[in-house]
């Protein structure tokens, strides 16, 4: 699977009619508590996504976090 693959339900969403701006996507790990954990309170994080560009030429930037830059993997 490549880093840009989103083929499972809930991994992709349309941004066609979303205005340009900065958004935060909530990411939840193990939402149904299928995996046993000693602490379920650390399973939610927010990911910054910046939408820009013009219709037909949208840009999506995801800034690096803790030294990991998803725009430059590989």
Protein backbone atom coordinates (compact mmCIF):
# COMPACT_ATOMS: atom_id res chain seq x y z
CA UNK A 1 0.00 0.00 0.00
CA UNK A 2 1.35 3.45 -0.86
CA UNK A 3 1.11 6.34 1.62
CA UNK A 4 -1.60 7.99 -0.50
CA UNK A 5 -3.86 4.92 -0.72
CA UNK A 6 -7.31 5.35 0.77
CA UNK A 7 -9.33 2.36 -0.27
CA UNK A 8 -11.06 1.39 2.98
CA UNK A 9 -14.37 3.00 3.96
CA UNK A 10 -13.84 6.20 5.93
CA UNK A 11 -10.29 6.88 4.71
CA UNK A 12 -11.19 9.33 1.96
CA UNK A 13 -13.56 12.26 1.65
CA UNK A 14 -14.47 14.74 -1.06
CA UNK A 15 -13.24 18.33 -0.84
CA UNK A 16 -14.81 19.62 -4.07
CA UNK A 17 -17.18 22.07 -2.38
CA UNK A 18 -15.10 22.81 0.72
CA UNK A 19 -13.79 26.40 0.82
CA UNK A 20 -10.06 27.07 0.94
CA UNK A 21 -8.72 27.31 4.46
CA UNK A 22 -7.13 25.44 7.32
CA UNK A 23 -8.98 22.42 8.71
CA UNK A 24 -8.28 19.85 11.39
CA UNK A 25 -9.19 16.25 10.68
CA UNK A 26 -9.95 14.15 13.74
CA UNK A 27 -8.26 10.75 13.65
CA UNK A 28 -9.47 8.04 16.02
CA UNK A 29 -7.52 4.82 16.54
CA UNK A 30 -9.39 1.75 17.73
CA UNK A 31 -12.76 3.59 18.02
CA UNK A 32 -14.72 0.44 18.88
CA UNK A 33 -12.13 -0.77 21.43
CA UNK A 34 -11.60 -3.97 19.44
CA UNK A 35 -7.95 -4.04 20.53
CA UNK A 36 -7.24 -4.31 24.26
CA UNK A 37 -5.33 -1.32 25.56
CA UNK A 38 -4.29 -0.15 29.00
CA UNK A 39 -5.32 3.42 28.08
CA UNK A 40 -7.99 4.34 25.53
CA UNK A 41 -7.72 8.07 26.30
CA UNK A 42 -4.81 8.66 23.90
CA UNK A 43 -6.53 7.36 20.73
CA UNK A 44 -7.66 10.70 19.28
CA UNK A 45 -5.50 13.23 17.47
CA UNK A 46 -6.07 16.17 15.13
CA UNK A 47 -4.27 16.48 11.78
CA UNK A 48 -3.89 19.89 10.15
CA UNK A 49 -4.89 20.07 6.47
CA UNK A 50 -4.62 23.24 4.39
CA UNK A 51 -6.83 23.55 1.28
CA UNK A 52 -5.99 26.08 -1.40
CA UNK A 53 -5.85 26.62 -5.12
CA UNK A 54 -8.63 27.29 -7.57
CA UNK A 55 -11.50 25.14 -8.92
CA UNK A 56 -9.99 22.33 -10.97
CA UNK A 57 -6.54 22.97 -9.50
CA UNK A 58 -6.98 22.36 -5.77
CA UNK A 59 -4.00 22.10 -3.47
CA UNK A 60 -3.88 20.09 -0.27
CA UNK A 61 -1.01 20.59 2.15
CA UNK A 62 -0.43 18.48 5.24
CA UNK A 63 2.35 20.00 7.35
CA UNK A 64 5.01 17.77 8.92
CA UNK A 65 4.45 16.58 12.48
CA UNK A 66 7.29 15.51 14.78
CA UNK A 67 9.69 15.39 11.82
CA UNK A 68 7.42 13.19 9.69
CA UNK A 69 6.56 14.89 6.41
CA UNK A 70 3.78 12.99 4.57
CA UNK A 71 4.37 15.09 1.44
CA UNK A 72 7.92 13.76 1.08
CA UNK A 73 7.72 10.05 1.93
CA UNK A 74 9.99 7.73 0.01
